[in-house]
C-alpha atoms as a PDB file:
ATOM      1  CA  MET A   1       0.015  -0.016   0.048  1.00  0.00           C
ATOM      2  CA  TRP A   2       2.613   2.522   0.998  1.00  0.00           C
ATOM      3  CA  ARG A   3       4.855   1.573  -1.899  1.00  0.00           C
ATOM      4  CA  SER A   4       2.113   2.291  -4.439  1.00  0.00           C
ATOM      5  CA  LEU A   5       1.249   5.633  -2.685  1.00  0.00           C
ATOM      6  CA  ILE A   6       4.979   6.702  -2.763  1.00  0.00           C
ATOM      7  CA  THR A   7       5.288   5.617  -6.419  1.00  0.00           C
ATOM      8  CA  ALA A   8       2.164   7.642  -7.295  1.00  0.00           C
ATOM      9  CA  MET A   9       3.533  10.676  -5.509  1.00  0.00           C
ATOM     10  CA  MET A  10       6.886  10.432  -7.299  1.00  0.00           C
ATOM     11  CA  ILE A  11       5.192  10.044 -10.672  1.00  0.00           C
ATOM     12  CA  THR A  12       3.047  13.087  -9.929  1.00  0.00           C
ATOM     13  CA  ALA A  13       6.055  15.218  -8.804  1.00  0.00           C
ATOM     14  CA  GLY A  14       7.955  14.191 -11.896  1.00  0.00           C
ATOM     15  CA  GLY A  15       5.067  15.153 -14.121  1.00  0.00           C
ATOM     16  CA  ILE A  16       4.788  18.574 -12.486  1.00  0.00           C
ATOM     17  CA  LEU A  17       8.524  19.149 -12.802  1.00  0.00           C
ATOM     18  CA  CYS A  18       8.390  18.166 -16.536  1.00  0.00           C
ATOM     19  CA  VAL A  19       5.455  20.535 -17.244  1.00  0.00           C
ATOM     20  CA  SER A  20       7.127  23.366 -15.307  1.00  0.00           C
ATOM     21  CA  CYS A  21      10.334  22.971 -17.246  1.00  0.00           C
ATOM     22  CA  CYS A  22       8.437  22.923 -20.555  1.00  0.00           C
ATOM     23  CA  ALA A  23       6.453  26.043 -19.583  1.00  0.00           C
ATOM     24  CA  LEU A  24       9.699  27.953 -18.579  1.00  0.00           C
ATOM     25  CA  GLY A  25      11.507  26.860 -21.691  1.00  0.00           C
ATOM     26  CA  VAL A  26      14.244  25.052 -19.748  1.00  0.00           C
ATOM     27  CA  GLY A  27      16.290  22.951 -22.147  1.00  0.00           C
ATOM     28  CA  ASP A  28      15.211  24.585 -25.341  1.00  0.00           C
ATOM     29  CA  GLY A  29      18.665  25.918 -26.039  1.00  0.00           C
ATOM     30  CA  LYS A  30      17.579  29.558 -25.733  1.00  0.00           C
ATOM     31  CA  VAL A  31      19.684  32.020 -23.921  1.00  0.00           C
ATOM     32  CA  ARG A  32      17.881  34.183 -21.304  1.00  0.00           C
ATOM     33  CA  VAL A  33      19.708  37.239 -20.150  1.00  0.00           C
ATOM     34  CA  PRO A  34      19.533  38.139 -16.479  1.00  0.00           C
ATOM     35  CA  TYR A  35      18.094  41.636 -17.480  1.00  0.00           C
ATOM     36  CA  LYS A  36      17.392  42.747 -13.875  1.00  0.00           C
ATOM     37  CA  ARG A  37      21.002  42.483 -12.887  1.00  0.00           C
ATOM     38  CA  SER A  38      23.723  45.091 -13.485  1.00  0.00           C
ATOM     39  CA  GLU A  39      24.762  46.170 -16.954  1.00  0.00           C
ATOM     40  CA  ASP A  40      28.190  44.527 -16.323  1.00  0.00           C
ATOM     41  CA  ALA A  41      26.599  41.206 -15.431  1.00  0.00           C
ATOM     42  CA  ILE A  42      24.358  41.284 -18.588  1.00  0.00           C
ATOM     43  CA  ARG A  43      27.298  42.261 -20.774  1.00  0.00           C
ATOM     44  CA  THR A  44      29.473  39.392 -19.264  1.00  0.00           C
ATOM     45  CA  ALA A  45      26.574  36.931 -19.966  1.00  0.00           C
ATOM     46  CA  LEU A  46      26.261  38.030 -23.557  1.00  0.00           C
ATOM     47  CA  LEU A  47      30.069  37.992 -24.153  1.00  0.00           C
ATOM     48  CA  ARG A  48      30.025  34.231 -23.364  1.00  0.00           C
ATOM     49  CA  TYR A  49      28.080  33.736 -26.615  1.00  0.00           C
ATOM     50  CA  THR A  50      29.329  36.665 -28.683  1.00  0.00           C
ATOM     51  CA  PRO A  51      32.954  37.318 -27.723  1.00  0.00           C
ATOM     52  CA  MET A  52      34.920  40.296 -29.171  1.00  0.00           C
ATOM     53  CA  GLY A  53      36.056  39.434 -32.600  1.00  0.00           C
ATOM     54  CA  THR A  54      32.782  37.600 -33.607  1.00  0.00           C
ATOM     55  CA  ALA A  55      31.604  38.312 -37.191  1.00  0.00           C
ATOM     56  CA  LYS A  56      28.441  40.393 -37.572  1.00  0.00           C
ATOM     57  CA  GLY A  57      26.606  37.481 -39.360  1.00  0.00           C
ATOM     58  CA  GLU A  58      27.237  35.172 -36.310  1.00  0.00           C
ATOM     59  CA  VAL A  59      25.932  37.795 -33.875  1.00  0.00           C
ATOM     60  CA  VAL A  60      22.716  38.216 -36.004  1.00  0.00           C
ATOM     61  CA  LYS A  61      22.362  34.433 -36.116  1.00  0.00           C
ATOM     62  CA  PHE A  62      22.698  34.215 -32.253  1.00  0.00           C
ATOM     63  CA  ILE A  63      20.093  37.000 -31.794  1.00  0.00           C
ATOM     64  CA  ARG A  64      17.555  35.438 -34.222  1.00  0.00           C
ATOM     65  CA  THR A  65      17.987  31.749 -33.152  1.00  0.00           C
ATOM     66  CA  ARG A  66      19.131  31.594 -29.513  1.00  0.00           C
ATOM     67  CA  LEU A  67      18.582  34.874 -27.610  1.00  0.00           C
ATOM     68  CA  VAL A  68      15.280  35.449 -25.916  1.00  0.00           C
ATOM     69  CA  CYS A  69      14.577  39.038 -26.823  1.00  0.00           C
ATOM     70  CA  ASP A  70      12.240  41.302 -28.700  1.00  0.00           C
ATOM     71  CA  ASP A  71      12.036  40.124 -32.336  1.00  0.00           C
ATOM     72  CA  THR A  72      13.135  43.521 -33.831  1.00  0.00           C
ATOM     73  CA  ILE A  73      16.774  44.015 -34.457  1.00  0.00           C
ATOM     74  CA  ARG A  74      17.600  47.664 -34.922  1.00  0.00           C
ATOM     75  CA  GLU A  75      20.541  48.740 -37.031  1.00  0.00           C
ATOM     76  CA  SER A  76      22.297  52.085 -36.718  1.00  0.00           C
ATOM     77  CA  MET A  77      25.587  53.793 -37.672  1.00  0.00           C
ATOM     78  CA  ARG A  78      27.927  56.065 -35.820  1.00  0.00           C
ATOM     79  CA  PHE A  79      30.181  58.075 -38.119  1.00  0.00           C
ATOM     80  CA  GLY A  80      33.830  58.589 -37.254  1.00  0.00           C
ATOM     81  CA  GLY A  81      35.425  61.843 -36.246  1.00  0.00           C
ATOM     82  CA  TRP A  82      37.521  63.469 -33.492  1.00  0.00           C
ATOM     83  CA  GLU A  83      36.736  63.856 -29.735  1.00  0.00           C
ATOM     84  CA  ARG A  84      38.480  64.980 -26.646  1.00  0.00           C
ATOM     85  CA  ASN A  85      39.122  62.385 -23.969  1.00  0.00           C
ATOM     86  CA  GLY A  86      39.134  63.009 -20.239  1.00  0.00           C
ATOM     87  CA  SER A  87      42.668  64.476 -20.307  1.00  0.00           C
ATOM     88  CA  GLY A  88      41.719  66.954 -23.137  1.00  0.00           C
ATOM     89  CA  LYS A  89      43.653  65.130 -25.826  1.00  0.00           C
ATOM     90  CA  LEU A  90      42.171  64.901 -29.224  1.00  0.00           C
ATOM     91  CA  VAL A  91      41.400  61.236 -30.164  1.00  0.00           C
ATOM     92  CA  ARG A  92      40.068  59.672 -33.316  1.00  0.00           C
ATOM     93  CA  ILE A  93      36.671  57.908 -33.147  1.00  0.00           C
ATOM     94  CA  GLU A  94      36.314  55.013 -35.519  1.00  0.00           C
ATOM     95  CA  PRO A  95      33.118  54.608 -37.462  1.00  0.00           C
ATOM     96  CA  ARG A  96      30.850  51.763 -36.119  1.00  0.00           C
ATOM     97  CA  SER A  97      27.756  49.921 -37.222  1.00  0.00           C
ATOM     98  CA  TYR A  98      25.474  48.828 -34.448  1.00  0.00           C
ATOM     99  CA  LEU A  99      22.851  46.150 -33.851  1.00  0.00           C
ATOM    100  CA  SER A 100      20.613  46.608 -30.841  1.00  0.00           C
ATOM    101  CA  VAL A 101      17.753  44.504 -29.316  1.00  0.00           C
ATOM    102  CA  GLU A 102      15.587  44.754 -26.294  1.00  0.00           C
ATOM    103  CA  VAL A 103      16.639  41.875 -24.019  1.00  0.00           C
ATOM    104  CA  GLY A 104      14.003  42.510 -21.312  1.00  0.00           C
ATOM    105  CA  ASN A 105      11.732  44.855 -19.554  1.00  0.00           C
ATOM    106  CA  TYR A 106      10.124  45.204 -16.200  1.00  0.00           C
ATOM    107  CA  PRO A 107       7.935  47.582 -14.189  1.00  0.00           C
ATOM    108  CA  GLY A 108       9.918  50.043 -12.120  1.00  0.00           C
ATOM    109  CA  VAL A 109       9.335  50.936  -8.468  1.00  0.00           C
ATOM    110  CA  TYR A 110       5.989  49.960  -7.291  1.00  0.00           C
ATOM    111  CA  GLY A 111       3.549  52.834  -6.839  1.00  0.00           C
ATOM    112  CA  PHE A 112       5.185  54.875  -9.631  1.00  0.00           C
ATOM    113  CA  PRO A 113       4.032  54.596 -13.295  1.00  0.00           C
ATOM    114  CA  ILE A 114       7.476  53.788 -14.838  1.00  0.00           C
ATOM    115  CA  HIS A 115       8.733  50.977 -16.896  1.00  0.00           C
ATOM    116  CA  VAL A 116      12.388  49.893 -17.458  1.00  0.00           C
ATOM    117  CA  TYR A 117      13.649  48.540 -20.847  1.00  0.00           C
ATOM    118  CA  VAL A 118      17.018  46.806 -21.116  1.00  0.00           C
ATOM    119  CA  TRP A 119      18.883  46.960 -24.463  1.00  0.00           C
ATOM    120  CA  ALA A 120      22.023  45.260 -25.690  1.00  0.00           C
ATOM    121  CA  GLU A 121      24.039  46.977 -28.418  1.00  0.00           C
ATOM    122  CA  TRP A 122      26.742  45.261 -30.435  1.00  0.00           C
ATOM    123  CA  GLY A 123      29.243  47.569 -32.259  1.00  0.00           C
ATOM    124  CA  PHE A 124      31.125  46.516 -35.326  1.00  0.00           C
ATOM    125  CA  ASP A 125      34.036  47.932 -37.286  1.00  0.00           C
ATOM    126  CA  ASP A 126      34.122  48.439 -41.078  1.00  0.00           C
ATOM    127  CA  GLY A 127      34.995  44.757 -41.594  1.00  0.00           C
ATOM    128  CA  GLY A 128      31.932  43.627 -39.610  1.00  0.00           C
ATOM    129  CA  ILE A 129      33.881  42.370 -36.587  1.00  0.00           C
ATOM    130  CA  LEU A 130      32.563  42.922 -33.045  1.00  0.00           C
ATOM    131  CA  LYS A 131      34.557  45.572 -31.249  1.00  0.00           C
ATOM    132  CA  GLU A 132      32.168  46.618 -28.432  1.00  0.00           C
ATOM    133  CA  LEU A 133      29.141  45.514 -26.528  1.00  0.00           C
ATOM    134  CA  GLU A 134      27.151  47.887 -24.418  1.00  0.00           C
ATOM    135  CA  VAL A 135      24.061  47.348 -22.208  1.00  0.00           C
ATOM    136  CA  LYS A 136      21.729  50.284 -21.594  1.00  0.00           C
ATOM    137  CA  ARG A 137      18.645  50.809 -19.524  1.00  0.00           C
ATOM    138  CA  GLU A 138      15.798  53.117 -20.731  1.00  0.00           C
ATOM    139  CA  ILE A 139      13.221  54.333 -18.280  1.00  0.00           C
ATOM    140  CA  ASP A 140       9.712  55.162 -19.654  1.00  0.00           C
ATOM    141  CA  ALA A 141       7.729  57.424 -17.395  1.00  0.00           C
ATOM    142  CA  PRO A 142       4.941  59.975 -17.884  1.00  0.00           C
END
């Protein structure tokens, strides 16, 4: 009697675990970014999959097939030029093309009507090689 009861409980627990994993997407090969953590933690997580030096096509493939994010990939361009650094020295700014996606969003502080959007932005040189990865937070408030 006890043996059959314990077996039934184990089967039920296993079924619940299996359904929970399927609902959460565990084991589907998708990469979920810890978007409520710091920008550095998010950047480090993304660099595991798209290290510096990765070709632009590989980054696009990663975003489209593995990264859990908003489906829209935004492309932009920053033109080169000159800029003064912290010590006042004039330095050359290389032109870059960028890909950015929203990797997550969440409501801000409870009681205030704000919403936080988290963006990842990959920057590429003229040859389409990854040179920088930046994570930004955008706050939407009335």
